C-alpha atoms as a PDB file:
ATOM      1  CA  MET A   1      83.133 107.651  77.861  1.00  0.00           C
ATOM      2  CA  VAL A   2      86.659 107.900  79.170  1.00  0.00           C
ATOM      3  CA  HIS A   3      85.829 111.136  80.940  1.00  0.00           C
ATOM      4  CA  PHE A   4      82.964 109.560  82.874  1.00  0.00           C
ATOM      5  CA  ALA A   5      84.827 106.310  83.507  1.00  0.00           C
ATOM      6  CA  SER A   6      87.659 108.321  85.005  1.00  0.00           C
ATOM      7  CA  MET A   7      85.249 109.670  87.607  1.00  0.00           C
ATOM      8  CA  SER A   8      84.582 106.166  88.894  1.00  0.00           C
ATOM      9  CA  PRO A   9      87.049 106.303  91.813  1.00  0.00           C
ATOM     10  CA  LEU A  10      85.434 109.529  92.993  1.00  0.00           C
ATOM     11  CA  LEU A  11      81.931 108.093  92.842  1.00  0.00           C
ATOM     12  CA  VAL A  12      82.644 104.754  94.497  1.00  0.00           C
ATOM     13  CA  ARG A  13      84.712 106.198  97.385  1.00  0.00           C
ATOM     14  CA  ILE A  14      86.933 103.320  98.447  1.00  0.00           C
ATOM     15  CA  ASP A  15      88.942 104.222 101.516  1.00  0.00           C
ATOM     16  CA  PRO A  16      92.497 102.867 101.315  1.00  0.00           C
ATOM     17  CA  ASP A  17      93.361 100.165 103.813  1.00  0.00           C
ATOM     18  CA  PRO A  18      96.961 100.345 105.091  1.00  0.00           C
ATOM     19  CA  ALA A  19      97.221  96.523 105.101  1.00  0.00           C
ATOM     20  CA  VAL A  20      96.180  96.357 101.445  1.00  0.00           C
ATOM     21  CA  ALA A  21      98.536  99.206 100.533  1.00  0.00           C
ATOM     22  CA  ALA A  22     101.427  97.269 102.097  1.00  0.00           C
ATOM     23  CA  ILE A  23     100.570  94.207  99.986  1.00  0.00           C
ATOM     24  CA  LEU A  24     100.306  96.315  96.822  1.00  0.00           C
ATOM     25  CA  ASP A  25     103.763  97.759  97.518  1.00  0.00           C
ATOM     26  CA  ASP A  26     105.277  94.362  96.680  1.00  0.00           C
ATOM     27  CA  PRO A  27     103.437  92.978  93.615  1.00  0.00           C
ATOM     28  CA  LEU A  28     106.316  90.601  92.810  1.00  0.00           C
ATOM     29  CA  ASP A  29     105.924  88.710  96.081  1.00  0.00           C
ATOM     30  CA  PRO A  30     105.313  85.044  95.166  1.00  0.00           C
ATOM     31  CA  ASP A  31     102.353  85.009  97.590  1.00  0.00           C
ATOM     32  CA  PHE A  32     100.906  88.292  96.304  1.00  0.00           C
ATOM     33  CA  LEU A  33      97.647  86.835  94.974  1.00  0.00           C
ATOM     34  CA  ASP A  34      96.948  84.885  98.142  1.00  0.00           C
ATOM     35  CA  LYS A  35      97.764  87.861 100.352  1.00  0.00           C
ATOM     36  CA  ILE A  36      95.581  90.303  98.420  1.00  0.00           C
ATOM     37  CA  HIS A  37      92.712  87.805  98.364  1.00  0.00           C
ATOM     38  CA  ASP A  38      93.022  87.263 102.119  1.00  0.00           C
ATOM     39  CA  ALA A  39      93.083  91.024 102.738  1.00  0.00           C
ATOM     40  CA  LEU A  40      90.123  91.893 100.510  1.00  0.00           C
ATOM     41  CA  GLY A  41      88.113  88.685 100.654  1.00  0.00           C
ATOM     42  CA  PRO A  42      85.555  87.990  97.920  1.00  0.00           C
ATOM     43  CA  THR A  43      85.502  91.682  96.954  1.00  0.00           C
ATOM     44  CA  ILE A  44      88.645  91.065  94.890  1.00  0.00           C
ATOM     45  CA  GLU A  45      86.660  88.695  92.664  1.00  0.00           C
ATOM     46  CA  ASN A  46      84.062  91.357  91.800  1.00  0.00           C
ATOM     47  CA  THR A  47      85.143  92.562  88.353  1.00  0.00           C
ATOM     48  CA  ALA A  48      82.959  95.665  88.693  1.00  0.00           C
ATOM     49  CA  MET A  49      85.407  96.918  91.321  1.00  0.00           C
ATOM     50  CA  ALA A  50      88.468  96.545  89.078  1.00  0.00           C
ATOM     51  CA  TYR A  51      88.495 100.115  87.791  1.00  0.00           C
ATOM     52  CA  PRO A  52      87.735 102.139  90.926  1.00  0.00           C
END
């Protein structure tokens, strides 16, 4: 299962967003959760997207 699960990012094809990458560069920011939610919207709440 791990082998197939590890292919998930290749199958889903999520293009990196520079704004999101900048937020992820500072995970200790006290406003991190609000910023990432604002950048990604409701997509961040979709647990199916957690792995890819």
